[in-house]
Amino acid sequence: MKTYTLLICGLLLFMFSCNWYRENPEKTFGEVEALMENDPDSALYLLEMIPLPRSLSEKHYSEYSLLTVMVKDKLDEDLVKDTLVVKARDYYVKTDNMKKAAQASFYLGRALQAAKDNEGATNAYKDAETYAANINDNNLKGLIQFDLGLLMFHQITKDGAIVRLKSAAEYFKADKKYRNEIIAYNHIGRAFHVNNNVDSALYYYDKSFSLATIHKDTIEQALVKMNRGLVYESMGRKDTARILHKDALKSLKSSEHLVKAYANIARTFDGRAEKDSILFYTDKAQTMFDEKERPELKASISKLLSIVEESIDNHPKALEYHKEYTDNLIDYYSKANEQEVLKANTKYDFERMRNENNQLTIEKQSGYMAILALAVVLLIISLLFYINNSQKKKKVLEVQQQVIHLRKLANTYDEEKVSIRNVMLRHFDILKKTILLEGYMTKDERKQGEKLLKKFNEIVYEKETLDWEILFKTMNHVSNGFPDKLKETYPDLDLTDIKICCLTEADLSNTEIALILNLSVNTIQTKKSNIRRKIGIGGYKDIIEHIKKNL
């Protein structure tokens, strides 16, 4: 019954929570917003606890969709499947909530960018830029410009990327988001470096490094050092580059950054003259790889090793590393193509159509809930019946096993032999009790396991209980005083211990002793272990053999 009570309480709690969340989503959303910055895991947990979010009102579902994608972005989770936020954007545009429309469009851009839809992502970012034009949120404006700049950077339009990244840095500076500002300057430096404008690249790297130093951001300092090292490496100043890469190693923590740093250091050595140094750092890089490591990083290491081996005319080895290099590149592009195929179905046009169809599903949910409730009730009733029936069968089986053991005991009785075992069996009147029980176990009684178990205990333990005082006297007579000598030689043994020793001397098994003393077999085993300890023997040595040596 306890199990059923828990099931019913759980069902009621679930139904109550469904209604509570539907009536009070604002409170949950407020808690999510408070937790999002410092504890996004808990924020996501609260959102996932909302049952049937699609049944929320349009207003609440739009807020739920936006908060979900924002929290997942904080946790660096894949946003590919979160293009549902397009519906939230449309709702906020319709209700003239430009701040949330800008947020929704910005995160839609991130989701589309994750889905490799760069054109759709660019349009979403530009929409976000338009919506955010007249709002007072410099950090959001900076994020929009930054992501748009990065998207342009990876699409070869480096000049346009620099303009966007500079704009992002200004917004972050105005909002005192110093870490974002540091990152923006670092990426501006990268864009200039790719454009072969070394002086401007170093200028912005220095700005990024100075700001990171002021705010004691050691990770960003290390990343800037790595990028500066790449600039000096491209200028042929490999010793300076090596110093910067080694210095960056002291603060880097992620395996990806460490692999890049070791590979950068390896590249600063001359292939023929400093092969050992190159191999040392490439080996360091390779030890950082794991199953999740990006194949393009592995490719860069293989390519470097191929160049080293070729410089010393070890062409077979160079060819082997070059094959690894091409295999890793093929792996990289294959995975990229697979992702393109898998993510194609998540584009927001498809999601928009699916959202419209979901309205039909919401209208049917009341009927589904009723069917679900009925199914749960039927399940509970079936479970109750099954458990009750199982308990009855278990009790009947328990009695049947005990009767079998009684019958075995009865069959070992030898009327002509004088021994402790026969004295005990006769005193226990085992044959009579067995016959009574076997006669009582009629077909009707077996259907009532609890009643049958009660009758077993009544016959065996209540009507004719053992009188151990008389039994001990009889045992003393037939066994040359075994019980009395046992008590005298081992005073630490309690009454139950004495009984167990006597029954063991009568050559009864643990199961038979448990049956006679109305204890479990495990209890008998535990007590025998305690007896061994009390009489001074260890392990599983024979108790009776040891006792008889000392009596």
Protein backbone atom coordinates (compact mmCIF):
# COMPACT_ATOMS: atom_id res chain seq x y z
CA MET A 1 0.00 0.00 0.00
CA LYS A 2 2.88 2.35 0.68
CA THR A 3 3.96 2.08 -3.00
CA TYR A 4 0.46 2.93 -4.21
CA THR A 5 0.20 5.91 -1.88
CA LEU A 6 3.46 7.30 -3.30
CA LEU A 7 2.24 6.78 -6.87
CA ILE A 8 -1.04 8.56 -6.22
CA CYS A 9 0.70 11.44 -4.40
CA GLY A 10 3.14 11.76 -7.31
CA LEU A 11 0.29 11.89 -9.81
CA LEU A 12 -1.54 14.56 -7.81
CA LEU A 13 1.68 16.54 -7.43
CA PHE A 14 2.28 16.35 -11.19
CA MET A 15 -1.25 17.54 -11.98
CA PHE A 16 -0.96 20.33 -9.41
CA SER A 17 2.41 21.44 -10.78
CA CYS A 18 1.02 21.55 -14.32
CA ASN A 19 -1.74 23.94 -13.23
CA TRP A 20 0.63 25.95 -11.02
CA TYR A 21 3.13 26.55 -13.82
CA ARG A 22 0.41 27.50 -16.26
CA GLU A 23 -1.04 30.01 -13.79
CA ASN A 24 2.25 31.39 -12.42
CA PRO A 25 4.88 31.36 -15.22
CA GLU A 26 5.98 34.94 -14.46
CA LYS A 27 7.41 33.90 -11.10
CA THR A 28 9.43 31.11 -12.72
CA PHE A 29 10.65 33.42 -15.48
CA GLY A 30 11.74 35.97 -12.87
CA GLU A 31 13.78 33.31 -11.03
CA VAL A 32 15.36 32.20 -14.34
CA GLU A 33 16.44 35.77 -15.14
CA ALA A 34 17.95 36.14 -11.65
CA LEU A 35 19.92 32.88 -11.97
CA MET A 36 20.92 33.15 -15.63
CA GLU A 37 24.17 35.08 -15.20
CA ASN A 38 25.77 33.21 -12.29
CA ASP A 39 23.96 29.86 -12.23
CA PRO A 40 22.69 29.02 -15.75
CA ASP A 41 22.43 25.28 -14.93
CA SER A 42 19.79 25.98 -12.28
CA ALA A 43 18.06 28.43 -14.61
CA LEU A 44 17.79 25.78 -17.33
CA TYR A 45 16.53 23.25 -14.77
CA LEU A 46 13.68 25.61 -13.80
CA LEU A 47 12.69 26.02 -17.45
CA GLU A 48 12.76 22.26 -18.05
CA MET A 49 10.49 21.76 -15.04
CA ILE A 50 7.67 23.63 -16.83
CA PRO A 51 5.34 20.90 -18.14
CA LEU A 52 3.86 21.19 -21.65
CA PRO A 53 5.32 24.64 -22.46
CA ARG A 54 3.50 24.69 -25.81
CA SER A 55 0.22 24.92 -23.91
CA LEU A 56 1.27 28.30 -22.47
CA SER A 57 -0.25 31.51 -23.80
CA GLU A 58 1.47 33.17 -26.77
CA LYS A 59 3.01 35.77 -24.47
CA HIS A 60 4.37 33.23 -21.98
CA TYR A 61 5.54 30.78 -24.65
CA SER A 62 7.43 33.58 -26.40
CA GLU A 63 9.17 34.45 -23.13
CA TYR A 64 9.86 30.77 -22.44
CA SER A 65 11.44 30.33 -25.92
CA LEU A 66 13.61 33.43 -25.55
CA LEU A 67 14.81 32.56 -22.03
CA THR A 68 15.57 28.98 -23.06
CA VAL A 69 17.83 29.99 -25.94
CA MET A 70 19.53 32.66 -23.77
CA VAL A 71 20.30 30.17 -21.00
CA LYS A 72 21.55 27.53 -23.45
CA ASP A 73 23.82 30.14 -24.99
CA LYS A 74 25.25 30.86 -21.52
CA LEU A 75 25.94 27.13 -21.14
CA ASP A 76 27.55 26.92 -24.62
CA GLU A 77 24.95 24.34 -25.66
CA ASP A 78 24.17 23.68 -29.33
CA LEU A 79 21.58 26.21 -30.50
CA VAL A 80 20.82 24.51 -33.82
CA LYS A 81 17.40 23.32 -32.69
CA ASP A 82 16.44 26.63 -31.11
CA THR A 83 15.21 28.46 -34.20
CA LEU A 84 11.78 28.31 -32.52
CA VAL A 85 12.77 31.69 -31.13
CA VAL A 86 11.62 33.14 -34.49
CA LYS A 87 8.06 32.92 -33.18
CA ALA A 88 9.07 34.87 -30.09
CA ARG A 89 10.70 37.52 -32.28
CA ASP A 90 7.54 37.90 -34.35
CA TYR A 91 5.44 38.22 -31.20
CA TYR A 92 7.68 40.95 -29.74
CA VAL A 93 7.72 42.86 -33.03
CA LYS A 94 3.92 42.65 -33.12
CA THR A 95 3.63 43.92 -29.53
CA ASP A 96 6.27 46.65 -30.14
CA ASN A 97 8.67 45.30 -27.49
CA MET A 98 11.84 46.27 -29.37
CA LYS A 99 14.33 45.19 -26.70
CA LYS A 100 13.05 41.64 -26.60
CA ALA A 101 12.57 41.64 -30.39
CA ALA A 102 16.26 42.55 -30.71
CA GLN A 103 17.25 39.82 -28.22
CA ALA A 104 15.14 37.21 -30.00
CA SER A 105 16.52 38.18 -33.42
CA PHE A 106 20.10 38.17 -32.10
CA TYR A 107 19.77 34.63 -30.66
CA LEU A 108 17.98 33.54 -33.82
CA GLY A 109 21.10 34.69 -35.66
CA ARG A 110 23.27 32.57 -33.39
CA ALA A 111 21.05 29.53 -33.94
CA LEU A 112 21.10 29.98 -37.71
CA GLN A 113 24.88 30.49 -37.65
CA ALA A 114 25.20 27.20 -35.71
CA ALA A 115 23.07 25.61 -38.45
CA LYS A 116 25.57 26.93 -41.05
CA ASP A 117 22.93 29.21 -42.55
CA ASN A 118 25.24 32.24 -42.77
CA GLU A 119 22.93 34.25 -45.01
CA GLY A 120 19.99 33.73 -42.65
CA ALA A 121 22.23 34.54 -39.66
CA THR A 122 23.43 37.79 -41.29
CA ASN A 123 19.84 38.88 -41.95
CA ALA A 124 18.83 38.03 -38.36
CA TYR A 125 21.75 40.04 -36.92
CA LYS A 126 20.87 43.00 -39.13
CA ASP A 127 17.24 42.78 -38.00
CA ALA A 128 18.47 42.75 -34.41
CA GLU A 129 20.60 45.81 -35.18
CA THR A 130 17.49 47.63 -36.49
CA TYR A 131 15.32 46.67 -33.49
CA ALA A 132 18.07 47.71 -31.03
CA ALA A 133 18.71 51.09 -32.64
CA ASN A 134 16.52 53.04 -30.23
CA ILE A 135 16.90 51.02 -27.04
CA ASN A 136 19.22 51.76 -24.13
CA ASP A 137 21.24 48.52 -23.99
CA ASN A 138 24.82 49.04 -25.12
CA ASN A 139 25.87 45.49 -24.21
CA LEU A 140 23.22 43.98 -26.50
CA LYS A 141 24.19 46.40 -29.28
CA GLY A 142 27.83 45.40 -28.77
CA LEU A 143 27.01 41.69 -28.94
CA ILE A 144 25.08 42.18 -32.19
CA GLN A 145 27.98 44.09 -33.78
CA PHE A 146 30.53 41.58 -32.47
CA ASP A 147 28.75 38.49 -33.83
CA LEU A 148 28.07 40.22 -37.13
CA GLY A 149 31.77 41.15 -37.29
CA LEU A 150 32.89 37.56 -36.61
CA LEU A 151 30.49 36.27 -39.26
CA MET A 152 32.00 38.70 -41.79
CA PHE A 153 35.52 37.76 -40.66
CA HIS A 154 34.90 34.11 -41.56
CA GLN A 155 33.35 35.10 -44.91
CA ILE A 156 36.52 36.82 -46.19
CA THR A 157 35.03 40.34 -45.84
CA LYS A 158 37.72 41.33 -43.32
CA ASP A 159 37.35 45.11 -43.79
CA GLY A 160 33.66 44.98 -42.96
CA ALA A 161 34.46 42.75 -39.99
CA ILE A 162 36.92 45.34 -38.59
CA VAL A 163 34.28 48.09 -38.77
CA ARG A 164 31.75 45.93 -36.90
CA LEU A 165 34.27 44.78 -34.28
CA LYS A 166 35.40 48.35 -33.60
CA SER A 167 31.77 49.37 -33.14
CA ALA A 168 31.29 46.43 -30.74
CA ALA A 169 34.34 47.50 -28.70
CA GLU A 170 32.92 51.03 -28.33
CA TYR A 171 29.55 49.71 -27.12
CA PHE A 172 31.24 47.37 -24.60
CA LYS A 173 33.41 50.22 -23.36
CA ALA A 174 30.37 52.45 -22.87
CA ASP A 175 28.62 49.68 -20.91
CA LYS A 176 31.79 48.84 -18.91
CA LYS A 177 31.75 45.24 -20.15
CA TYR A 178 35.52 45.05 -19.99
CA ARG A 179 35.97 41.38 -20.81
CA ASN A 180 33.88 41.74 -23.95
CA GLU A 181 35.92 44.82 -24.86
CA ILE A 182 39.18 42.87 -24.39
CA ILE A 183 37.92 40.07 -26.66
CA ALA A 184 36.76 42.58 -29.29
CA TYR A 185 40.21 44.26 -29.46
CA ASN A 186 41.85 40.83 -29.75
CA HIS A 187 39.65 39.93 -32.73
CA ILE A 188 40.29 43.30 -34.37
CA GLY A 189 44.01 42.47 -34.13
CA ARG A 190 43.37 39.10 -35.78
CA ALA A 191 41.45 40.73 -38.64
CA PHE A 192 44.31 43.18 -39.27
CA HIS A 193 46.85 40.35 -39.13
CA VAL A 194 44.94 38.34 -41.73
CA ASN A 195 44.94 41.47 -43.90
CA ASN A 196 48.77 41.58 -43.48
CA ASN A 197 48.56 44.89 -41.60
CA VAL A 198 51.07 43.93 -38.91
CA ASP A 199 51.40 47.35 -37.23
CA SER A 200 47.64 47.72 -36.72
CA ALA A 201 47.40 44.11 -35.54
CA LEU A 202 50.05 44.70 -32.85
CA TYR A 203 48.40 48.00 -31.88
CA TYR A 204 45.05 46.34 -31.10
CA TYR A 205 46.72 43.32 -29.47
CA ASP A 206 48.50 45.79 -27.16
CA LYS A 207 45.18 47.52 -26.34
CA SER A 208 43.61 44.14 -25.56
CA PHE A 209 46.59 43.05 -23.44
CA SER A 210 46.73 46.32 -21.47
CA LEU A 211 43.02 46.13 -20.62
CA ALA A 212 43.32 42.44 -19.67
CA THR A 213 46.26 43.32 -17.40
CA ILE A 214 44.30 46.10 -15.67
CA HIS A 215 41.40 43.71 -14.99
CA LYS A 216 43.68 40.76 -14.14
CA ASP A 217 42.19 38.50 -16.82
CA THR A 218 45.06 36.01 -17.21
CA ILE A 219 43.27 33.82 -19.77
CA GLU A 220 42.72 36.71 -22.18
CA GLN A 221 46.28 37.90 -21.57
CA ALA A 222 47.55 34.46 -22.61
CA LEU A 223 45.38 34.39 -25.76
CA VAL A 224 46.65 37.82 -26.78
CA LYS A 225 50.25 36.63 -26.25
CA MET A 226 49.59 33.68 -28.56
CA ASN A 227 48.20 35.98 -31.25
CA ARG A 228 51.12 38.38 -30.90
CA GLY A 229 53.45 35.37 -31.19
CA LEU A 230 51.80 34.47 -34.51
CA VAL A 231 52.45 38.02 -35.77
CA TYR A 232 56.16 37.83 -34.85
CA GLU A 233 56.36 34.36 -36.38
CA SER A 234 55.01 35.74 -39.68
CA MET A 235 57.69 38.46 -39.46
CA GLY A 236 60.42 35.82 -39.15
CA ARG A 237 61.14 36.68 -35.48
CA LYS A 238 60.72 33.11 -34.27
CA ASP A 239 62.67 33.54 -31.01
CA THR A 240 60.34 36.34 -29.88
CA ALA A 241 57.32 34.30 -31.00
CA ARG A 242 58.54 31.29 -29.01
CA ILE A 243 58.95 33.37 -25.85
CA LEU A 244 55.37 34.67 -26.16
CA HIS A 245 53.89 31.19 -26.80
CA LYS A 246 55.76 29.70 -23.84
CA ASP A 247 54.67 32.54 -21.60
CA ALA A 248 51.04 31.99 -22.67
CA LEU A 249 51.25 28.33 -21.61
CA LYS A 250 51.45 29.35 -17.94
CA SER A 251 47.86 30.60 -17.89
CA LEU A 252 46.07 28.41 -20.44
CA LYS A 253 43.73 25.70 -19.17
CA SER A 254 41.57 24.29 -21.97
CA SER A 255 43.03 21.43 -24.00
CA GLU A 256 42.23 23.23 -27.27
CA HIS A 257 44.28 26.30 -26.27
CA LEU A 258 47.13 24.15 -24.96
CA VAL A 259 47.29 22.13 -28.19
CA LYS A 260 47.50 25.35 -30.20
CA ALA A 261 50.21 26.75 -27.92
CA TYR A 262 52.38 23.63 -28.15
CA ALA A 263 51.93 23.52 -31.94
CA ASN A 264 52.85 27.22 -32.18
CA ILE A 265 56.04 26.64 -30.17
CA ALA A 266 56.98 23.64 -32.32
CA ARG A 267 56.66 25.76 -35.46
CA THR A 268 59.23 28.28 -34.17
CA PHE A 269 62.08 25.76 -34.40
CA ASP A 270 64.14 24.98 -37.48
CA GLY A 271 63.12 21.61 -38.91
CA ARG A 272 66.57 20.07 -39.48
CA ALA A 273 68.65 21.66 -36.73
CA GLU A 274 66.11 21.47 -33.93
CA LYS A 275 64.16 18.33 -34.70
CA ASP A 276 64.22 17.12 -31.07
CA SER A 277 62.62 20.34 -29.83
CA ILE A 278 59.91 20.13 -32.48
CA LEU A 279 59.16 16.50 -31.60
CA PHE A 280 59.08 17.37 -27.89
CA TYR A 281 56.38 20.02 -28.32
CA THR A 282 54.37 18.14 -30.94
CA ASP A 283 54.34 15.17 -28.57
CA LYS A 284 53.08 17.51 -25.84
CA ALA A 285 50.32 18.65 -28.17
CA GLN A 286 49.35 15.11 -29.10
CA THR A 287 49.02 14.06 -25.45
CA MET A 288 46.36 16.75 -25.02
CA PHE A 289 44.10 15.30 -27.72
CA ASP A 290 40.97 13.45 -26.72
CA GLU A 291 38.04 11.98 -28.61
CA LYS A 292 36.29 15.34 -28.76
CA GLU A 293 39.31 17.23 -30.13
CA ARG A 294 38.81 19.00 -33.44
CA PRO A 295 40.35 17.15 -36.42
CA GLU A 296 41.77 20.38 -37.91
CA LEU A 297 44.09 20.69 -34.88
CA LYS A 298 45.31 17.14 -35.40
CA ALA A 299 45.85 17.96 -39.06
CA SER A 300 48.09 20.92 -38.22
CA ILE A 301 50.28 18.73 -35.97
CA SER A 302 50.55 16.01 -38.65
CA LYS A 303 51.49 18.59 -41.26
CA LEU A 304 54.22 20.01 -39.02
CA LEU A 305 55.68 16.55 -38.36
CA SER A 306 55.61 15.80 -42.09
CA ILE A 307 57.65 18.93 -42.80
CA VAL A 308 60.17 18.00 -40.07
CA GLU A 309 60.71 14.50 -41.44
CA GLU A 310 61.00 15.78 -45.00
CA SER A 311 63.67 18.33 -43.93
CA ILE A 312 65.93 15.47 -42.76
CA ASP A 313 65.20 13.38 -45.87
CA ASN A 314 63.13 10.81 -43.98
CA HIS A 315 60.63 10.61 -46.83
CA PRO A 316 58.72 7.44 -45.78
CA LYS A 317 57.94 8.95 -42.39
CA ALA A 318 57.13 12.32 -43.96
CA LEU A 319 54.68 10.56 -46.30
CA GLU A 320 53.09 8.76 -43.35
CA TYR A 321 52.52 12.03 -41.48
CA HIS A 322 51.24 13.68 -44.65
CA LYS A 323 48.69 10.89 -45.00
CA GLU A 324 47.57 11.54 -41.40
CA TYR A 325 47.29 15.20 -42.30
CA THR A 326 45.05 14.52 -45.31
CA ASP A 327 42.98 11.94 -43.38
CA ASN A 328 42.31 14.47 -40.62
CA LEU A 329 41.34 17.12 -43.16
CA ILE A 330 38.99 14.65 -44.87
CA ASP A 331 37.52 13.80 -41.45
CA TYR A 332 37.04 17.50 -40.71
CA TYR A 333 35.26 18.26 -43.99
CA SER A 334 33.20 15.07 -43.81
CA LYS A 335 31.92 16.02 -40.37
CA ALA A 336 31.21 19.54 -41.59
CA ASN A 337 29.18 18.15 -44.50
CA GLU A 338 27.31 15.76 -42.21
CA GLN A 339 26.41 18.65 -39.94
CA GLU A 340 25.18 20.61 -42.93
CA VAL A 341 22.83 17.78 -43.86
CA LEU A 342 21.63 17.19 -40.31
CA LYS A 343 21.07 20.85 -39.58
CA ALA A 344 19.34 21.69 -42.87
CA ASN A 345 15.97 20.59 -41.44
CA THR A 346 16.24 23.05 -38.59
CA LYS A 347 16.07 26.21 -40.66
CA TYR A 348 13.61 28.69 -39.34
CA ASP A 349 11.21 28.54 -42.33
CA PHE A 350 10.55 24.90 -41.51
CA GLU A 351 10.26 25.71 -37.82
CA ARG A 352 7.78 28.49 -38.55
CA MET A 353 5.53 26.06 -40.42
CA ARG A 354 5.85 23.56 -37.59
CA ASN A 355 4.91 26.20 -35.03
CA GLU A 356 1.74 26.99 -36.94
CA ASN A 357 0.80 23.32 -36.98
CA ASN A 358 1.44 23.08 -33.24
CA GLN A 359 -1.67 25.17 -32.63
CA LEU A 360 -3.76 22.16 -33.60
CA THR A 361 -1.83 20.03 -31.12
CA ILE A 362 -2.48 22.49 -28.31
CA GLU A 363 -6.23 22.36 -28.96
CA LYS A 364 -6.18 18.58 -28.59
CA GLN A 365 -4.14 18.54 -25.38
CA SER A 366 -7.16 18.62 -23.06
CA GLY A 367 -8.37 15.35 -24.52
CA TYR A 368 -4.90 13.85 -24.33
CA MET A 369 -4.60 14.85 -20.67
CA ALA A 370 -7.90 13.11 -19.87
CA ILE A 371 -6.74 9.96 -21.65
CA LEU A 372 -3.41 10.16 -19.84
CA ALA A 373 -5.12 10.53 -16.45
CA LEU A 374 -7.34 7.50 -17.19
CA ALA A 375 -4.31 5.48 -18.29
CA VAL A 376 -2.48 6.38 -15.07
CA VAL A 377 -5.48 5.33 -12.94
CA LEU A 378 -5.71 2.00 -14.79
CA LEU A 379 -1.97 1.52 -14.37
CA ILE A 380 -2.20 2.14 -10.62
CA ILE A 381 -5.10 -0.32 -10.25
CA SER A 382 -3.20 -2.97 -12.25
CA LEU A 383 -0.08 -2.37 -10.19
CA LEU A 384 -2.04 -2.70 -6.93
CA PHE A 385 -3.54 -5.98 -8.07
CA TYR A 386 -0.17 -7.31 -9.24
CA ILE A 387 1.66 -6.43 -6.00
CA ASN A 388 -1.13 -7.87 -3.82
CA ASN A 389 -1.16 -11.11 -5.81
CA SER A 390 2.65 -11.34 -5.69
CA GLN A 391 2.65 -10.91 -1.92
CA LYS A 392 0.15 -13.74 -1.52
CA LYS A 393 2.19 -16.05 -3.74
CA LYS A 394 5.34 -15.17 -1.82
CA LYS A 395 3.76 -16.04 1.52
CA VAL A 396 2.39 -19.36 0.21
CA LEU A 397 5.81 -20.24 -1.19
CA GLU A 398 7.43 -19.36 2.14
CA VAL A 399 5.13 -21.75 4.03
CA GLN A 400 5.61 -24.51 1.45
CA GLN A 401 9.40 -24.27 1.81
CA GLN A 402 9.20 -24.42 5.60
CA VAL A 403 6.89 -27.45 5.50
CA ILE A 404 9.37 -29.17 3.18
CA HIS A 405 12.14 -28.57 5.72
CA LEU A 406 9.93 -29.90 8.52
CA ARG A 407 9.21 -33.03 6.49
CA LYS A 408 12.96 -33.55 5.92
CA LEU A 409 13.55 -33.21 9.66
CA ALA A 410 10.81 -35.68 10.41
CA ASN A 411 12.31 -38.21 8.00
CA THR A 412 15.65 -38.11 9.86
CA TYR A 413 14.09 -39.23 13.16
CA ASP A 414 15.37 -42.62 14.35
CA GLU A 415 13.16 -43.97 17.18
CA GLU A 416 15.71 -46.57 18.36
CA LYS A 417 18.75 -44.27 18.44
CA VAL A 418 19.61 -42.24 21.54
CA SER A 419 21.02 -38.86 20.54
CA ILE A 420 20.59 -35.12 21.03
CA ARG A 421 19.04 -34.90 17.56
CA ASN A 422 16.33 -37.49 18.30
CA VAL A 423 15.62 -35.90 21.69
CA MET A 424 15.15 -32.52 20.07
CA LEU A 425 12.98 -33.86 17.22
CA ARG A 426 10.77 -35.81 19.58
CA HIS A 427 10.43 -32.86 21.96
CA PHE A 428 9.61 -30.56 19.07
CA ASP A 429 6.98 -33.10 17.95
CA ILE A 430 8.02 -32.46 14.38
CA LEU A 431 6.11 -35.33 12.76
CA LYS A 432 2.81 -34.24 14.26
CA LYS A 433 3.31 -30.63 13.23
CA THR A 434 4.23 -31.59 9.68
CA ILE A 435 1.10 -33.70 9.28
CA LEU A 436 -1.09 -30.91 10.67
CA LEU A 437 0.41 -28.34 8.28
CA GLU A 438 0.21 -30.54 5.20
CA GLY A 439 -3.42 -31.28 5.99
CA TYR A 440 -4.16 -27.59 6.51
CA MET A 441 -2.67 -26.51 3.17
CA THR A 442 -5.85 -27.06 1.20
CA LYS A 443 -6.45 -25.49 -2.17
CA ASP A 444 -8.57 -22.71 -0.69
CA GLU A 445 -5.99 -21.88 1.98
CA ARG A 446 -3.20 -21.56 -0.59
CA LYS A 447 -5.11 -18.68 -2.16
CA GLN A 448 -4.83 -16.79 1.10
CA GLY A 449 -1.11 -16.55 1.69
CA GLU A 450 -1.36 -14.31 4.75
CA LYS A 451 -3.83 -16.63 6.51
CA LEU A 452 -1.72 -19.68 5.69
CA LEU A 453 1.42 -18.07 7.11
CA LYS A 454 -0.49 -17.17 10.28
CA LYS A 455 -1.66 -20.79 10.67
CA PHE A 456 1.92 -22.06 10.17
CA ASN A 457 3.21 -19.84 13.00
CA GLU A 458 0.28 -20.87 15.20
CA ILE A 459 0.96 -24.60 14.77
CA VAL A 460 4.77 -24.48 14.96
CA TYR A 461 5.44 -21.76 17.53
CA GLU A 462 2.31 -21.20 19.63
CA LYS A 463 0.52 -24.47 20.36
CA GLU A 464 3.57 -26.53 21.36
CA THR A 465 6.61 -24.38 21.95
CA LEU A 466 9.88 -26.01 23.03
CA ASP A 467 10.51 -26.19 26.75
CA TRP A 468 14.29 -25.67 26.65
CA GLU A 469 14.83 -26.37 30.37
CA ILE A 470 13.45 -29.89 29.99
CA LEU A 471 15.25 -30.27 26.68
CA PHE A 472 18.61 -29.23 28.18
CA LYS A 473 18.21 -31.80 31.00
CA THR A 474 17.46 -34.54 28.49
CA MET A 475 20.38 -33.49 26.29
CA ASN A 476 22.69 -33.58 29.35
CA HIS A 477 21.58 -37.13 29.99
CA VAL A 478 22.19 -38.42 26.44
CA SER A 479 25.34 -36.41 25.66
CA ASN A 480 27.42 -36.69 28.83
CA GLY A 481 26.43 -33.19 30.04
CA PHE A 482 27.19 -31.28 26.80
CA PRO A 483 24.88 -28.24 27.48
CA ASP A 484 26.06 -27.76 31.11
CA LYS A 485 29.74 -28.15 30.23
CA LEU A 486 29.26 -25.69 27.38
CA LYS A 487 27.78 -23.04 29.72
CA GLU A 488 30.54 -23.58 32.27
CA THR A 489 33.46 -23.55 29.81
CA TYR A 490 32.25 -20.58 27.78
CA PRO A 491 30.41 -18.16 30.10
CA ASP A 492 30.33 -15.45 27.38
CA LEU A 493 27.80 -17.46 25.37
CA ASP A 494 24.21 -16.27 25.81
CA LEU A 495 21.12 -18.53 25.80
CA THR A 496 20.59 -18.28 22.04
CA ASP A 497 24.26 -19.14 21.47
CA ILE A 498 23.86 -22.26 23.69
CA LYS A 499 20.76 -23.32 21.76
CA ILE A 500 22.53 -22.92 18.41
CA CYS A 501 25.52 -24.93 19.64
CA CYS A 502 23.27 -27.75 20.88
CA LEU A 503 21.30 -27.86 17.64
CA THR A 504 24.55 -27.79 15.66
CA GLU A 505 25.81 -30.70 17.80
CA ALA A 506 22.54 -32.45 16.82
CA ASP A 507 23.77 -32.15 13.20
CA LEU A 508 21.04 -29.73 12.12
CA SER A 509 21.66 -27.38 9.17
CA ASN A 510 21.40 -23.60 9.40
CA THR A 511 18.02 -23.74 7.65
CA GLU A 512 16.70 -26.30 10.16
CA ILE A 513 18.05 -24.35 13.13
CA ALA A 514 16.43 -21.19 11.78
CA LEU A 515 13.10 -23.02 11.46
CA ILE A 516 13.18 -24.34 15.03
CA LEU A 517 14.29 -21.03 16.62
CA ASN A 518 11.98 -18.91 14.39
CA LEU A 519 14.91 -16.86 13.08
CA SER A 520 16.20 -16.13 9.57
CA VAL A 521 19.05 -18.14 8.05
CA ASN A 522 21.13 -14.94 7.82
CA THR A 523 20.64 -14.36 11.55
CA ILE A 524 21.85 -17.89 12.33
CA GLN A 525 24.96 -17.34 10.18
CA THR A 526 25.69 -14.03 11.93
CA LYS A 527 25.26 -15.58 15.36
CA LYS A 528 27.61 -18.45 14.47
CA SER A 529 30.24 -15.88 13.50
CA ASN A 530 29.78 -14.23 16.91
CA ILE A 531 30.08 -17.65 18.62
CA ARG A 532 33.40 -18.30 16.84
CA ARG A 533 34.66 -14.95 18.09
CA LYS A 534 33.54 -15.69 21.68
CA ILE A 535 35.18 -19.15 21.81
CA GLY A 536 38.36 -17.90 20.15
CA ILE A 537 38.39 -19.35 16.64
CA GLY A 538 38.41 -17.53 13.29
CA GLY A 539 37.27 -18.05 9.74
CA TYR A 540 34.80 -20.86 9.14
CA LYS A 541 36.33 -23.48 11.45
CA ASP A 542 34.08 -26.17 12.91
CA ILE A 543 32.47 -24.83 16.11
CA ILE A 544 31.54 -28.20 17.64
CA GLU A 545 34.93 -29.76 16.89
CA HIS A 546 36.67 -26.88 18.70
CA ILE A 547 34.25 -26.97 21.65
CA LYS A 548 34.62 -30.72 22.17
CA LYS A 549 38.41 -30.38 22.35
CA ASN A 550 38.04 -27.96 25.27
CA LEU A 551 35.16 -29.55 27.23
